[in-house]
N, C-alpha and C. Protein backbone atom coordinates (compact mmCIF):
# COMPACT_ATOMS: atom_id res chain seq x y z
N MET A 1 -34.97 -41.51 0.69
CA MET A 1 -35.33 -41.51 -0.71
C MET A 1 -34.09 -41.14 -1.52
N SER A 2 -33.91 -41.82 -2.63
CA SER A 2 -32.75 -41.54 -3.47
C SER A 2 -32.89 -40.19 -4.15
N LEU A 3 -31.77 -39.59 -4.47
CA LEU A 3 -31.77 -38.31 -5.16
C LEU A 3 -32.49 -38.41 -6.50
N ARG A 4 -32.27 -39.49 -7.22
CA ARG A 4 -32.90 -39.66 -8.53
C ARG A 4 -34.42 -39.76 -8.40
N ARG A 5 -34.87 -40.51 -7.41
CA ARG A 5 -36.31 -40.65 -7.19
C ARG A 5 -36.92 -39.28 -6.87
N GLN A 6 -36.22 -38.49 -6.04
CA GLN A 6 -36.71 -37.16 -5.71
C GLN A 6 -36.73 -36.25 -6.93
N GLN A 7 -35.73 -36.36 -7.80
CA GLN A 7 -35.71 -35.57 -9.04
C GLN A 7 -36.91 -35.93 -9.91
N ILE A 8 -37.22 -37.19 -9.98
CA ILE A 8 -38.37 -37.63 -10.78
C ILE A 8 -39.65 -37.03 -10.21
N LEU A 9 -39.83 -37.10 -8.89
CA LEU A 9 -41.03 -36.55 -8.26
C LEU A 9 -41.14 -35.04 -8.47
N ASP A 10 -40.03 -34.34 -8.31
CA ASP A 10 -40.04 -32.89 -8.49
C ASP A 10 -40.40 -32.52 -9.93
N THR A 11 -39.84 -33.25 -10.87
CA THR A 11 -40.12 -32.99 -12.29
C THR A 11 -41.57 -33.31 -12.62
N ALA A 12 -42.05 -34.44 -12.14
CA ALA A 12 -43.44 -34.82 -12.38
C ALA A 12 -44.40 -33.79 -11.79
N ALA A 13 -44.14 -33.35 -10.55
CA ALA A 13 -45.00 -32.35 -9.92
C ALA A 13 -45.03 -31.07 -10.73
N GLY A 14 -43.89 -30.64 -11.20
CA GLY A 14 -43.83 -29.42 -12.01
C GLY A 14 -44.63 -29.56 -13.29
N LEU A 15 -44.50 -30.69 -13.95
CA LEU A 15 -45.25 -30.91 -15.20
C LEU A 15 -46.75 -31.08 -14.93
N PHE A 16 -47.12 -31.79 -13.87
CA PHE A 16 -48.53 -31.95 -13.53
C PHE A 16 -49.15 -30.58 -13.23
N ALA A 17 -48.41 -29.73 -12.52
CA ALA A 17 -48.93 -28.39 -12.20
C ALA A 17 -49.07 -27.55 -13.45
N GLU A 18 -48.13 -27.67 -14.35
CA GLU A 18 -48.14 -26.86 -15.57
C GLU A 18 -49.18 -27.32 -16.58
N ARG A 19 -49.27 -28.63 -16.80
CA ARG A 19 -50.11 -29.15 -17.89
C ARG A 19 -51.30 -29.99 -17.44
N GLY A 20 -51.36 -30.33 -16.17
CA GLY A 20 -52.40 -31.22 -15.69
C GLY A 20 -51.97 -32.68 -15.83
N PHE A 21 -52.52 -33.51 -14.97
CA PHE A 21 -52.17 -34.92 -14.94
C PHE A 21 -52.37 -35.59 -16.30
N HIS A 22 -53.51 -35.33 -16.93
CA HIS A 22 -53.81 -35.98 -18.21
C HIS A 22 -53.06 -35.35 -19.38
N GLY A 23 -52.46 -34.20 -19.16
CA GLY A 23 -51.70 -33.53 -20.21
C GLY A 23 -50.23 -33.90 -20.22
N VAL A 24 -49.86 -34.82 -19.33
CA VAL A 24 -48.46 -35.23 -19.21
C VAL A 24 -48.36 -36.74 -19.39
N SER A 25 -47.39 -37.17 -20.18
CA SER A 25 -47.16 -38.60 -20.37
C SER A 25 -45.87 -39.01 -19.63
N VAL A 26 -45.71 -40.29 -19.45
CA VAL A 26 -44.48 -40.81 -18.86
C VAL A 26 -43.29 -40.39 -19.73
N ASN A 27 -43.49 -40.37 -21.05
CA ASN A 27 -42.41 -39.94 -21.94
C ASN A 27 -42.06 -38.47 -21.73
N ASP A 28 -43.07 -37.63 -21.44
CA ASP A 28 -42.80 -36.21 -21.15
C ASP A 28 -41.93 -36.08 -19.90
N ILE A 29 -42.28 -36.83 -18.88
CA ILE A 29 -41.52 -36.77 -17.62
C ILE A 29 -40.10 -37.27 -17.85
N GLY A 30 -39.97 -38.41 -18.52
CA GLY A 30 -38.64 -38.93 -18.82
C GLY A 30 -37.83 -37.95 -19.65
N GLY A 31 -38.47 -37.37 -20.68
CA GLY A 31 -37.78 -36.42 -21.53
C GLY A 31 -37.27 -35.21 -20.76
N ALA A 32 -38.05 -34.73 -19.81
CA ALA A 32 -37.63 -33.59 -19.00
C ALA A 32 -36.44 -33.94 -18.10
N LEU A 33 -36.28 -35.23 -17.85
CA LEU A 33 -35.16 -35.70 -17.03
C LEU A 33 -33.98 -36.17 -17.86
N GLY A 34 -34.17 -36.18 -19.18
CA GLY A 34 -33.09 -36.65 -20.06
C GLY A 34 -32.98 -38.15 -20.13
N ILE A 35 -34.09 -38.85 -19.84
CA ILE A 35 -34.11 -40.31 -19.93
C ILE A 35 -35.35 -40.72 -20.71
N SER A 36 -35.44 -41.99 -21.04
CA SER A 36 -36.64 -42.46 -21.72
C SER A 36 -37.78 -42.60 -20.72
N GLY A 37 -39.00 -42.46 -21.19
CA GLY A 37 -40.16 -42.63 -20.33
C GLY A 37 -40.18 -43.98 -19.63
N PRO A 38 -39.94 -45.07 -20.37
CA PRO A 38 -39.97 -46.38 -19.72
C PRO A 38 -38.92 -46.55 -18.61
N ALA A 39 -37.87 -45.75 -18.63
CA ALA A 39 -36.86 -45.84 -17.57
C ALA A 39 -37.45 -45.46 -16.21
N LEU A 40 -38.54 -44.70 -16.22
CA LEU A 40 -39.19 -44.32 -14.96
C LEU A 40 -39.78 -45.52 -14.23
N TYR A 41 -40.09 -46.58 -14.99
CA TYR A 41 -40.71 -47.76 -14.37
C TYR A 41 -39.75 -48.49 -13.42
N LYS A 42 -38.48 -48.13 -13.45
CA LYS A 42 -37.54 -48.67 -12.47
C LYS A 42 -37.84 -48.11 -11.08
N HIS A 43 -38.44 -46.94 -11.06
CA HIS A 43 -38.69 -46.23 -9.80
C HIS A 43 -40.16 -46.20 -9.40
N PHE A 44 -41.06 -46.17 -10.38
CA PHE A 44 -42.50 -46.05 -10.12
C PHE A 44 -43.26 -46.95 -11.08
N GLU A 45 -44.42 -47.43 -10.62
CA GLU A 45 -45.24 -48.33 -11.45
C GLU A 45 -45.87 -47.63 -12.64
N GLY A 46 -46.05 -46.33 -12.54
CA GLY A 46 -46.67 -45.59 -13.62
C GLY A 46 -46.95 -44.17 -13.19
N LYS A 47 -47.65 -43.46 -14.05
CA LYS A 47 -47.94 -42.05 -13.81
C LYS A 47 -48.81 -41.86 -12.56
N GLY A 48 -49.77 -42.74 -12.35
CA GLY A 48 -50.61 -42.66 -11.15
C GLY A 48 -49.80 -42.84 -9.87
N ALA A 49 -48.83 -43.72 -9.92
CA ALA A 49 -47.96 -43.93 -8.76
C ALA A 49 -47.09 -42.69 -8.51
N LEU A 50 -46.71 -42.02 -9.58
CA LEU A 50 -45.95 -40.76 -9.42
C LEU A 50 -46.80 -39.70 -8.73
N LEU A 51 -48.03 -39.56 -9.17
CA LEU A 51 -48.93 -38.58 -8.56
C LEU A 51 -49.14 -38.92 -7.08
N ALA A 52 -49.39 -40.18 -6.80
CA ALA A 52 -49.60 -40.61 -5.42
C ALA A 52 -48.37 -40.33 -4.56
N ALA A 53 -47.19 -40.63 -5.10
CA ALA A 53 -45.96 -40.40 -4.34
C ALA A 53 -45.74 -38.91 -4.09
N CYS A 54 -46.03 -38.08 -5.08
CA CYS A 54 -45.88 -36.63 -4.89
C CYS A 54 -46.72 -36.16 -3.70
N LEU A 55 -47.97 -36.55 -3.66
CA LEU A 55 -48.88 -36.02 -2.65
C LEU A 55 -48.76 -36.71 -1.30
N THR A 56 -48.46 -38.01 -1.27
CA THR A 56 -48.28 -38.65 0.03
C THR A 56 -46.97 -38.20 0.66
N GLN A 57 -45.94 -38.01 -0.17
CA GLN A 57 -44.66 -37.58 0.37
C GLN A 57 -44.75 -36.18 0.98
N VAL A 58 -45.38 -35.25 0.28
CA VAL A 58 -45.46 -33.89 0.81
C VAL A 58 -46.34 -33.84 2.05
N SER A 59 -47.41 -34.60 2.08
CA SER A 59 -48.27 -34.63 3.27
C SER A 59 -47.51 -35.19 4.47
N ALA A 60 -46.74 -36.24 4.24
CA ALA A 60 -45.94 -36.83 5.31
C ALA A 60 -44.87 -35.85 5.79
N GLU A 61 -44.25 -35.14 4.86
CA GLU A 61 -43.21 -34.17 5.23
C GLU A 61 -43.80 -33.02 6.05
N LEU A 62 -44.94 -32.49 5.64
CA LEU A 62 -45.58 -31.42 6.40
C LEU A 62 -45.88 -31.88 7.82
N LEU A 63 -46.44 -33.06 7.97
CA LEU A 63 -46.80 -33.59 9.28
C LEU A 63 -45.55 -33.86 10.12
N ARG A 64 -44.55 -34.51 9.54
CA ARG A 64 -43.32 -34.84 10.27
C ARG A 64 -42.63 -33.57 10.79
N GLU A 65 -42.46 -32.60 9.91
CA GLU A 65 -41.79 -31.36 10.31
C GLU A 65 -42.65 -30.58 11.30
N GLY A 66 -43.96 -30.58 11.08
CA GLY A 66 -44.84 -29.90 12.02
C GLY A 66 -44.72 -30.48 13.42
N ARG A 67 -44.74 -31.79 13.53
CA ARG A 67 -44.61 -32.45 14.83
C ARG A 67 -43.27 -32.12 15.47
N SER A 68 -42.23 -32.12 14.67
CA SER A 68 -40.89 -31.81 15.16
C SER A 68 -40.82 -30.39 15.71
N ARG A 69 -41.43 -29.46 15.00
CA ARG A 69 -41.41 -28.06 15.44
C ARG A 69 -42.21 -27.86 16.72
N VAL A 70 -43.34 -28.51 16.83
CA VAL A 70 -44.13 -28.39 18.05
C VAL A 70 -43.36 -28.98 19.22
N ALA A 71 -42.75 -30.13 19.02
CA ALA A 71 -41.99 -30.78 20.09
C ALA A 71 -40.80 -29.94 20.55
N ALA A 72 -40.19 -29.22 19.63
CA ALA A 72 -39.00 -28.43 19.95
C ALA A 72 -39.32 -27.05 20.53
N ALA A 73 -40.56 -26.63 20.45
CA ALA A 73 -40.93 -25.28 20.87
C ALA A 73 -40.98 -25.16 22.40
N ALA A 74 -40.65 -23.98 22.87
CA ALA A 74 -40.63 -23.72 24.31
C ALA A 74 -42.03 -23.60 24.90
N ASP A 75 -42.99 -23.15 24.09
CA ASP A 75 -44.35 -22.96 24.58
C ASP A 75 -45.30 -22.98 23.37
N PRO A 76 -46.61 -22.99 23.62
CA PRO A 76 -47.56 -23.06 22.50
C PRO A 76 -47.43 -21.90 21.51
N GLU A 77 -47.15 -20.68 22.00
CA GLU A 77 -47.00 -19.54 21.10
C GLU A 77 -45.84 -19.76 20.14
N ALA A 78 -44.73 -20.23 20.68
CA ALA A 78 -43.56 -20.49 19.84
C ALA A 78 -43.84 -21.63 18.87
N ALA A 79 -44.59 -22.62 19.32
CA ALA A 79 -44.94 -23.75 18.44
C ALA A 79 -45.79 -23.27 17.28
N LEU A 80 -46.80 -22.45 17.57
CA LEU A 80 -47.67 -21.97 16.49
C LEU A 80 -46.91 -21.06 15.53
N ALA A 81 -46.06 -20.19 16.07
CA ALA A 81 -45.25 -19.34 15.20
C ALA A 81 -44.35 -20.18 14.31
N SER A 82 -43.79 -21.24 14.85
CA SER A 82 -42.92 -22.12 14.06
C SER A 82 -43.70 -22.86 12.98
N LEU A 83 -44.92 -23.29 13.32
CA LEU A 83 -45.78 -23.94 12.32
C LEU A 83 -46.11 -22.98 11.18
N ILE A 84 -46.43 -21.74 11.53
CA ILE A 84 -46.75 -20.75 10.51
C ILE A 84 -45.54 -20.51 9.61
N GLU A 85 -44.37 -20.35 10.21
CA GLU A 85 -43.16 -20.12 9.41
C GLU A 85 -42.88 -21.32 8.50
N TRP A 86 -43.03 -22.52 9.04
CA TRP A 86 -42.78 -23.73 8.26
C TRP A 86 -43.71 -23.80 7.06
N HIS A 87 -44.99 -23.56 7.29
CA HIS A 87 -45.94 -23.68 6.18
C HIS A 87 -45.75 -22.54 5.18
N ALA A 88 -45.40 -21.36 5.65
CA ALA A 88 -45.10 -20.25 4.73
C ALA A 88 -43.89 -20.59 3.86
N ASP A 89 -42.86 -21.18 4.47
CA ASP A 89 -41.68 -21.61 3.70
C ASP A 89 -42.08 -22.63 2.64
N PHE A 90 -42.90 -23.60 3.04
CA PHE A 90 -43.38 -24.60 2.10
C PHE A 90 -44.15 -23.95 0.96
N ALA A 91 -45.05 -23.05 1.30
CA ALA A 91 -45.92 -22.44 0.30
C ALA A 91 -45.14 -21.65 -0.75
N VAL A 92 -44.11 -20.92 -0.32
CA VAL A 92 -43.36 -20.13 -1.30
C VAL A 92 -42.35 -20.96 -2.07
N SER A 93 -41.96 -22.11 -1.53
CA SER A 93 -40.96 -22.93 -2.21
C SER A 93 -41.54 -24.08 -3.03
N GLN A 94 -42.81 -24.45 -2.78
CA GLN A 94 -43.40 -25.60 -3.44
C GLN A 94 -44.76 -25.29 -4.08
N PRO A 95 -44.86 -24.23 -4.85
CA PRO A 95 -46.18 -23.90 -5.41
C PRO A 95 -46.72 -24.99 -6.34
N ALA A 96 -45.85 -25.71 -7.02
CA ALA A 96 -46.32 -26.77 -7.93
C ALA A 96 -47.08 -27.84 -7.16
N LEU A 97 -46.58 -28.21 -5.99
CA LEU A 97 -47.27 -29.25 -5.20
C LEU A 97 -48.62 -28.77 -4.71
N ILE A 98 -48.74 -27.49 -4.41
CA ILE A 98 -50.02 -26.94 -4.00
C ILE A 98 -51.02 -27.03 -5.15
N VAL A 99 -50.58 -26.67 -6.35
CA VAL A 99 -51.45 -26.74 -7.53
C VAL A 99 -51.86 -28.18 -7.80
N VAL A 100 -50.90 -29.09 -7.74
CA VAL A 100 -51.20 -30.51 -7.99
C VAL A 100 -52.20 -31.02 -6.97
N GLN A 101 -52.02 -30.68 -5.70
CA GLN A 101 -52.94 -31.12 -4.66
C GLN A 101 -54.36 -30.64 -4.94
N GLU A 102 -54.51 -29.39 -5.28
CA GLU A 102 -55.88 -28.87 -5.46
C GLU A 102 -56.50 -29.31 -6.77
N ARG A 103 -55.70 -29.49 -7.82
CA ARG A 103 -56.25 -29.78 -9.14
C ARG A 103 -56.37 -31.28 -9.43
N GLU A 104 -55.49 -32.08 -8.89
CA GLU A 104 -55.42 -33.49 -9.30
C GLU A 104 -55.95 -34.47 -8.26
N TRP A 105 -56.60 -33.96 -7.23
CA TRP A 105 -57.13 -34.83 -6.17
C TRP A 105 -57.97 -35.96 -6.73
N GLY A 106 -58.81 -35.66 -7.69
CA GLY A 106 -59.69 -36.67 -8.27
C GLY A 106 -58.98 -37.73 -9.08
N ASN A 107 -57.73 -37.49 -9.44
CA ASN A 107 -56.96 -38.48 -10.20
C ASN A 107 -56.15 -39.41 -9.32
N LEU A 108 -56.20 -39.19 -8.02
CA LEU A 108 -55.49 -40.09 -7.09
C LEU A 108 -56.28 -41.38 -6.92
N ALA A 109 -55.58 -42.48 -6.84
CA ALA A 109 -56.22 -43.76 -6.51
C ALA A 109 -56.81 -43.65 -5.10
N ALA A 110 -57.85 -44.39 -4.83
CA ALA A 110 -58.57 -44.32 -3.55
C ALA A 110 -57.63 -44.54 -2.37
N GLU A 111 -56.75 -45.50 -2.45
CA GLU A 111 -55.83 -45.80 -1.35
C GLU A 111 -54.91 -44.61 -1.07
N ALA A 112 -54.39 -44.00 -2.12
CA ALA A 112 -53.52 -42.83 -1.96
C ALA A 112 -54.32 -41.66 -1.39
N ARG A 113 -55.53 -41.48 -1.86
CA ARG A 113 -56.40 -40.40 -1.35
C ARG A 113 -56.62 -40.58 0.15
N ASP A 114 -56.88 -41.81 0.57
CA ASP A 114 -57.10 -42.09 1.99
C ASP A 114 -55.85 -41.77 2.81
N GLU A 115 -54.69 -42.14 2.30
CA GLU A 115 -53.43 -41.89 3.02
C GLU A 115 -53.13 -40.39 3.10
N VAL A 116 -53.30 -39.69 2.01
CA VAL A 116 -53.08 -38.24 2.01
C VAL A 116 -54.06 -37.58 2.97
N ARG A 117 -55.30 -37.95 2.91
CA ARG A 117 -56.33 -37.36 3.79
C ARG A 117 -56.00 -37.64 5.25
N ARG A 118 -55.56 -38.86 5.57
CA ARG A 118 -55.22 -39.20 6.96
C ARG A 118 -54.10 -38.28 7.47
N GLN A 119 -53.07 -38.10 6.65
CA GLN A 119 -51.96 -37.25 7.06
C GLN A 119 -52.36 -35.78 7.14
N GLN A 120 -53.19 -35.33 6.21
CA GLN A 120 -53.65 -33.95 6.24
C GLN A 120 -54.48 -33.67 7.48
N LEU A 121 -55.35 -34.60 7.84
CA LEU A 121 -56.17 -34.41 9.03
C LEU A 121 -55.32 -34.38 10.30
N ALA A 122 -54.28 -35.20 10.34
CA ALA A 122 -53.37 -35.18 11.49
C ALA A 122 -52.63 -33.84 11.56
N TYR A 123 -52.26 -33.29 10.40
CA TYR A 123 -51.58 -32.00 10.34
C TYR A 123 -52.53 -30.88 10.80
N ILE A 124 -53.75 -30.91 10.34
CA ILE A 124 -54.76 -29.94 10.78
C ILE A 124 -54.96 -30.03 12.29
N ASP A 125 -55.07 -31.25 12.81
CA ASP A 125 -55.27 -31.44 14.25
C ASP A 125 -54.06 -30.94 15.05
N LEU A 126 -52.86 -31.12 14.53
CA LEU A 126 -51.65 -30.62 15.20
C LEU A 126 -51.74 -29.10 15.35
N TRP A 127 -52.08 -28.43 14.27
CA TRP A 127 -52.24 -26.98 14.31
C TRP A 127 -53.39 -26.57 15.23
N THR A 128 -54.52 -27.27 15.12
CA THR A 128 -55.70 -26.94 15.91
C THR A 128 -55.40 -27.07 17.40
N ASP A 129 -54.78 -28.17 17.78
CA ASP A 129 -54.45 -28.38 19.19
C ASP A 129 -53.52 -27.28 19.70
N THR A 130 -52.57 -26.90 18.86
CA THR A 130 -51.62 -25.86 19.25
C THR A 130 -52.33 -24.51 19.39
N LEU A 131 -53.19 -24.18 18.44
CA LEU A 131 -53.95 -22.93 18.52
C LEU A 131 -54.83 -22.92 19.76
N ARG A 132 -55.47 -24.01 20.06
CA ARG A 132 -56.35 -24.08 21.23
C ARG A 132 -55.54 -23.89 22.53
N GLU A 133 -54.30 -24.43 22.55
CA GLU A 133 -53.44 -24.23 23.73
C GLU A 133 -53.08 -22.76 23.88
N VAL A 134 -52.76 -22.11 22.76
CA VAL A 134 -52.43 -20.68 22.80
C VAL A 134 -53.61 -19.89 23.34
N ARG A 135 -54.76 -20.15 22.79
CA ARG A 135 -55.95 -19.42 23.21
C ARG A 135 -56.29 -19.71 24.68
N ALA A 136 -56.12 -20.95 25.11
CA ALA A 136 -56.42 -21.32 26.50
C ALA A 136 -55.51 -20.57 27.48
N LYS A 137 -54.26 -20.36 27.08
CA LYS A 137 -53.33 -19.61 27.95
C LYS A 137 -53.80 -18.18 28.17
N HIS A 138 -54.59 -17.70 27.27
CA HIS A 138 -55.10 -16.32 27.36
C HIS A 138 -56.57 -16.29 27.80
N GLY A 139 -57.04 -17.41 28.35
CA GLY A 139 -58.38 -17.47 28.89
C GLY A 139 -59.49 -17.59 27.86
N ASP A 140 -59.14 -17.95 26.64
CA ASP A 140 -60.13 -18.04 25.55
C ASP A 140 -60.36 -19.51 25.21
N THR A 141 -61.56 -19.98 25.44
CA THR A 141 -61.90 -21.36 25.08
C THR A 141 -62.28 -21.38 23.61
N LEU A 142 -61.55 -22.13 22.84
CA LEU A 142 -61.80 -22.24 21.40
C LEU A 142 -62.32 -23.65 21.12
N PRO A 143 -63.57 -23.78 20.70
CA PRO A 143 -64.09 -25.11 20.36
C PRO A 143 -63.25 -25.75 19.23
N THR A 144 -63.11 -27.05 19.29
CA THR A 144 -62.29 -27.76 18.31
C THR A 144 -62.75 -27.49 16.88
N ALA A 145 -64.05 -27.55 16.65
CA ALA A 145 -64.55 -27.34 15.28
C ALA A 145 -64.21 -25.94 14.77
N GLU A 146 -64.35 -24.94 15.63
CA GLU A 146 -64.01 -23.57 15.24
C GLU A 146 -62.50 -23.45 14.99
N GLY A 147 -61.72 -24.11 15.83
CA GLY A 147 -60.26 -24.10 15.64
C GLY A 147 -59.87 -24.72 14.31
N ARG A 148 -60.47 -25.86 13.99
CA ARG A 148 -60.18 -26.50 12.70
C ARG A 148 -60.57 -25.60 11.54
N ALA A 149 -61.72 -24.97 11.64
CA ALA A 149 -62.16 -24.07 10.58
C ALA A 149 -61.17 -22.92 10.41
N ALA A 150 -60.71 -22.37 11.52
CA ALA A 150 -59.74 -21.27 11.45
C ALA A 150 -58.43 -21.73 10.81
N ILE A 151 -57.97 -22.90 11.20
CA ILE A 151 -56.72 -23.43 10.65
C ILE A 151 -56.87 -23.69 9.16
N GLN A 152 -57.96 -24.28 8.75
CA GLN A 152 -58.16 -24.55 7.32
C GLN A 152 -58.26 -23.25 6.53
N ALA A 153 -58.83 -22.23 7.11
CA ALA A 153 -58.88 -20.92 6.44
C ALA A 153 -57.48 -20.35 6.28
N VAL A 154 -56.66 -20.52 7.31
CA VAL A 154 -55.27 -20.05 7.22
C VAL A 154 -54.50 -20.84 6.17
N PHE A 155 -54.76 -22.15 6.09
CA PHE A 155 -54.12 -22.93 5.02
C PHE A 155 -54.51 -22.39 3.65
N GLY A 156 -55.78 -22.02 3.50
CA GLY A 156 -56.23 -21.43 2.24
C GLY A 156 -55.44 -20.17 1.91
N LEU A 157 -55.23 -19.36 2.93
CA LEU A 157 -54.42 -18.14 2.76
C LEU A 157 -52.99 -18.49 2.37
N LEU A 158 -52.36 -19.35 3.15
CA LEU A 158 -50.97 -19.70 2.89
C LEU A 158 -50.80 -20.40 1.54
N ASN A 159 -51.75 -21.26 1.21
CA ASN A 159 -51.64 -22.03 -0.03
C ASN A 159 -52.13 -21.27 -1.26
N SER A 160 -52.43 -20.00 -1.10
CA SER A 160 -52.86 -19.19 -2.24
C SER A 160 -51.68 -18.71 -3.08
N THR A 161 -50.46 -18.97 -2.65
CA THR A 161 -49.28 -18.41 -3.32
C THR A 161 -49.18 -18.73 -4.81
N PRO A 162 -49.59 -19.90 -5.29
CA PRO A 162 -49.47 -20.12 -6.72
C PRO A 162 -50.38 -19.21 -7.54
N HIS A 163 -51.37 -18.62 -6.90
CA HIS A 163 -52.36 -17.82 -7.60
C HIS A 163 -52.25 -16.33 -7.28
N SER A 164 -51.30 -15.96 -6.44
CA SER A 164 -51.22 -14.57 -6.00
C SER A 164 -50.19 -13.79 -6.81
N ALA A 165 -50.20 -12.49 -6.60
CA ALA A 165 -49.28 -11.61 -7.32
C ALA A 165 -47.84 -12.03 -7.04
N ARG A 166 -47.02 -11.85 -8.00
CA ARG A 166 -45.63 -12.24 -7.87
C ARG A 166 -44.82 -11.13 -7.22
N ILE A 167 -44.40 -11.38 -6.01
CA ILE A 167 -43.43 -10.52 -5.35
C ILE A 167 -42.29 -11.44 -4.96
N SER A 168 -41.22 -10.92 -4.47
CA SER A 168 -40.07 -11.77 -4.14
C SER A 168 -40.47 -12.81 -3.09
N ARG A 169 -39.76 -13.93 -3.09
CA ARG A 169 -40.05 -14.98 -2.11
C ARG A 169 -39.96 -14.46 -0.68
N PRO A 170 -38.87 -13.74 -0.33
CA PRO A 170 -38.80 -13.25 1.05
C PRO A 170 -39.96 -12.31 1.40
N ALA A 171 -40.34 -11.45 0.46
CA ALA A 171 -41.45 -10.53 0.73
C ALA A 171 -42.76 -11.30 0.86
N MET A 172 -42.97 -12.30 0.01
CA MET A 172 -44.19 -13.10 0.09
C MET A 172 -44.23 -13.90 1.38
N ARG A 173 -43.11 -14.47 1.76
CA ARG A 173 -43.02 -15.23 3.01
C ARG A 173 -43.40 -14.34 4.18
N ALA A 174 -42.81 -13.16 4.26
CA ALA A 174 -43.09 -12.23 5.35
C ALA A 174 -44.56 -11.83 5.37
N LEU A 175 -45.12 -11.56 4.20
CA LEU A 175 -46.52 -11.19 4.09
C LEU A 175 -47.43 -12.32 4.57
N LEU A 176 -47.13 -13.54 4.15
CA LEU A 176 -47.94 -14.69 4.56
C LEU A 176 -47.89 -14.90 6.07
N ILE A 177 -46.71 -14.77 6.65
CA ILE A 177 -46.57 -14.96 8.10
C ILE A 177 -47.37 -13.91 8.85
N THR A 178 -47.26 -12.66 8.44
CA THR A 178 -48.01 -11.58 9.08
C THR A 178 -49.51 -11.81 8.95
N MET A 179 -49.95 -12.18 7.75
CA MET A 179 -51.37 -12.39 7.52
C MET A 179 -51.90 -13.60 8.30
N ALA A 180 -51.12 -14.67 8.39
CA ALA A 180 -51.55 -15.86 9.15
C ALA A 180 -51.71 -15.52 10.62
N HIS A 181 -50.74 -14.78 11.17
CA HIS A 181 -50.86 -14.36 12.57
C HIS A 181 -52.11 -13.51 12.78
N ALA A 182 -52.35 -12.59 11.86
CA ALA A 182 -53.52 -11.73 11.97
C ALA A 182 -54.82 -12.54 11.86
N ALA A 183 -54.84 -13.49 10.95
CA ALA A 183 -56.03 -14.32 10.77
C ALA A 183 -56.35 -15.14 12.02
N LEU A 184 -55.31 -15.54 12.73
CA LEU A 184 -55.51 -16.33 13.95
C LEU A 184 -55.58 -15.44 15.19
N ARG A 185 -55.58 -14.12 14.96
CA ARG A 185 -55.65 -13.12 16.03
C ARG A 185 -54.50 -13.28 17.02
N LEU A 186 -53.29 -13.42 16.48
CA LEU A 186 -52.09 -13.53 17.30
C LEU A 186 -51.23 -12.31 17.04
N ALA A 187 -50.41 -11.97 17.98
CA ALA A 187 -49.45 -10.89 17.74
C ALA A 187 -48.43 -11.39 16.72
N ALA A 188 -48.14 -10.58 15.72
CA ALA A 188 -47.16 -10.96 14.70
C ALA A 188 -45.78 -11.05 15.35
N PRO A 189 -44.97 -12.00 14.89
CA PRO A 189 -43.62 -12.12 15.44
C PRO A 189 -42.78 -10.93 15.02
N ASP A 190 -41.84 -10.56 15.89
CA ASP A 190 -40.91 -9.48 15.52
C ASP A 190 -39.87 -10.04 14.59
N GLU A 191 -39.68 -9.38 13.45
CA GLU A 191 -38.66 -9.83 12.48
C GLU A 191 -37.80 -8.67 12.11
């Protein structure tokens, strides 16, 4: 992806999070970038395409990096710890995208919603499978449905950062990691 296209997406996500999808015009986004609104049409078909690109891109990135971390891990415990760290990093660095995801879901075109949902479910399953492997190593059989519920609850915890008290990013990251480990009944990593 070009740097300019990424700048447009980052700016749009920030404005959508701040004002809501319907509270932002193409001219607002262009103005924030120092260009005319119509200049955005060189990169995107319109505001709906910007919203779709924001959410499909972040879902794809979460899944791609999650898969990479699991593949690189020495064992299931290390894989799950790496997934937690990755998502905590995402949560503290991308609060606007979290807000846009939760608030603007209904404004996504059906095709984009299907693509985002497909990637999100694959990401949930990646975490669930990893958690189940960790638990199995310790003699604990975790049903898939219960594992998914636990993972989605942890995502709720991690993705609460846009709404939580403001502490420094490093402190919030550390708190989220500790809490996620505790929620999944894992020993917290030594830091």
